[in-house]
Amino acid sequence: MKVFPSEHHITSATTSKVAFIKFDDERSVEVGQHLTSTVLIDQALVCVPYLQPTIPNEEAFLNSGGSISAGQRQLPPHVVNKIQDVGDGTTVLLTVDPTLEQLGVPSYPSLPGDTDLGKVEEIRRTIYVGNLPKGVDGKTVLDFFNNYMGEVMYIRFTGGPETLPCAYAYVEFSQQSSIPIALQNNGIEFDGRPLRIQHSRVAIIKPQQKTADQALEEVEEAIRMGKTGAERARSRSPRRRRSPSPKKRSPRRRSRSRERERRRSRDRKRSRSRSKDKVSRRSRSRDKDRKRSRSRDRDRDSKRRSKSRDRRRRSRSRDKKRPDRDRSRSKDRKREKERKRSRSKSRDRKKEKEVKKDVKKEKKDDDSEDEILLREKLLEKAAARKKVKDSSDSEWEEAKSEQKGSNGTSKEKSKIKNERKRRHSMLRLTSLRRLGTRFWSTRQLVYEGYDDPAKAISIKSVTLPSQLCENEVLVNWIAAPINPADLNQIQGVYPVKPKLPAIGGNEGVGRVEKVGSSIKSLNIGDHVIPSCSGLGTWRELGLHTIDDVFPIDNSIPVEFAATLQVNPPTAYRMLKDFVDLKAGDTVIQNGGNSAVGRQVIQICRVRGLKSVSVVRKRENFDALVDDLKKLGADEVITEDDLFSRKRKFSGVRLALNCVGGRSSLFLASLLDDGGCMVTYGGMSKQPVQCPTGPLIFKDIRLQGFWMSRWYGLEKNVEERKHMYKELGEWMKSGEIQHSEYERRDIGDFRAALDDASSKFDKKQLKSTLILLLI
């Protein structure tokens, strides 16, 4: 990073500086542009990409006038803008994206030729969404598009008359790559309504950027509002400083202040009288003289009539003393009142404390079910800690008794000392874990015993602690499929049997919501899938260790990502790991209509391999043949005519078996010299059969394959990353299509399990996947 101008180049005319920041990751440039209009100290920042690969020299930059060619947000390299002349001197701007053409979705509409390139980039990242429910919450729409299509930058609903049957909105994504995904989801259901998604011809109108003066005003206002009372008092001039409030003064100070006010008021009256004109003063003095003369006359008369002069003086002195006595008595009365008030305040405080205690007691009595479950769990943990403590106590007593018996050698003393330290640290750790703990509530599908899935599975609400350990991640599971392996696991017939009670689901995709302090390989917002079987993905939120999840590309559509762990990798690995296949080689498989079989057909097409799929005889066989051939199958035949037509298939290097029994016997007999038959399933529940002749004379091999075992090998971590990357590219480009699926909410799990069981048991034209949307 370099900042221009530097200290020795600053002049009186310098009003701002320019910073050039070069990042290791070019994606940081896109993120940095979001800081535009952010106020730094007293000015609004302007962040634009710099088009040159290196930071310029300071002198050359300043000599050129110190201006930056404001670059625009860049579209991906394969997306190109072109200006086309349509005649009559008018031009249009065309944006060509080959991905849209490959996927068969509408191309970008043309724009006027004079459109600002910065706006063009925004428009090409924006879609127009129709048929939204009226009154829908913006956050709900935002979460929906974030989960299924890509990160949303802005969303804005359009205005219109209330008579319109639905709502409309513009959605701007942060990446242009989300546009093809969004267009592919045209017709996707949202709140029971199919959405209409199309290209936008305009950009979302955003709030105007703040000028430097506006930004300065906001900063000054924030500084003024941010000052504490003490700081405001300090910053006030001595003349403006306020006297303490009457409530904060002591009784004596209050009474003194009142006396001062009275004196001041008398002084003010005198000052006002002095300020009047001289004429009025003279007239008043004459009146006073007259009154005095009259009073003198009266006094003479009174002397003659009544008391002596001495008695009159005494009476006057008594009259003078009476006001002082009255004042002191009024002060005493005020002090007594203030004491009573202070006593009543303290009593009120005590009453408030008692009321608060009663409220707390009532709240404790009215605990919810979640709190009761949480308390039970905490009691269980406390019992476990007590057990550990008791065992440590017994060890400590043994060490102590050994010390007494052997007169306490130095080793035994150190042993006791270390044991005491260990116990102290355990107690300290447990107490620290309790401090400041909050909890998240989540739902999950749990089974406590092996049985029919519809009977064994139940939905439960549980709480998770918000404080993560240093190697833990909090995952929000977005979607998870119901696979045959999931049902077999609940029935208790699958090799992987998690500890009961367990959560269903071996596959799914989730978004990272929070990470532990020691985790550097994951960030909030990353998409992950389970790294092994038995993790339990049929839940809303899950706390997992970093080893339990595996990161994937966020741009992979959810329906692909949710099924990325099992079926596509199984087909990918079987076609890669057992035989060195070349373009033009033949692969034969049974179960060609299964989810794995369909992935095998498509990967064979991508790699230039010929595929022969064997399926069971059914009524709609011709429709099934057409469907599989659209995916890329070269031949689709039944098990009955497999043996009669075997001579037609030559150069079979690999056979994939998921049925067993007689079907496996036919597949093995078709293998060429050095061929291999890989078994990854046994749907017929019959043993694998192999012909003796080819096994001896053709040196064919029989191999088993289990995807979960492959995932469990540490040496395969890097290869796993490469596999997900290649599969993800094929999925995003449309070369591989996902299986058809039905969306179900986690709350509708019973109907979803029933439908999944019936679909897996019956012959179908298409293998329909049940996808739980969590």
Foldseek 3Di string as FASTA:
>chain_A
DDKPPDPVPDDPPDDDIDDDDDDPDPVVLLVVQVQALPDDLQFGDHRADAPDPDDDDRVVCVVVVVDGDGHADDAPPQWDWDWDDPDPPWIKIAIDHVLCVLVVFDGADIAGPPDDPNFVVQQLQKKKKDPAAPPDDPVLVQVVCCAFQHHWDDKDWDDDDPPDRHTMMMTGHSHSLSVSSVRVQQQPDDPRGGMHMGGGRGGDDDDDRDGSVRSNVVSVVCVVVPDDPVVVQVPDDPVPRDDDDPVPDDLVVNLVVVVVVVVVVVVVVVVVVVPDDPVVVVVVVVVVVVVVVVVVVVVVVVCVVDDHPVVVVVVVVVVVCVVVVVVVVVSVVVVVVVVVVVVVVVVVVVVVVVVVVVVVVVDVVPDDPQVVVVVVVVVVVVVVVVVVVVVLVVVLVVLVVVCVVVVHDPVSVVVNVVSVVVSVVVVVVVVVVVPPKDKDKKKFWWFQAADQSLVRTDIDIHIGIPDAAQQKWKWFFFKAWDDPLQRCQSNPNHPDHDDPRATTGFFGKTFTCDHHNNDDPDDGGFIWIFLFGRPHRRMGMDMDGPNGIDTADSNQGRLCRRPVQPQLVVLVCQVPPPDPDAAAAEEEEEPCQDQNNLSNQLVCVVRNYAYEYEYADDDPVVLLQVVSVVSPHPYYYYLVCLQVCLVVDPRHQEYEYAAADPSLQSRQVSHAAQHEYEYEHHNPPYHHDYDPVCVPPRVYYYHYDDSNVLSVDPVCPVVVRVSSVVVSVCSSSVSRDHFAEDEDESVPVSVLSVVQVVLVVDDDSHRYIYMYGD
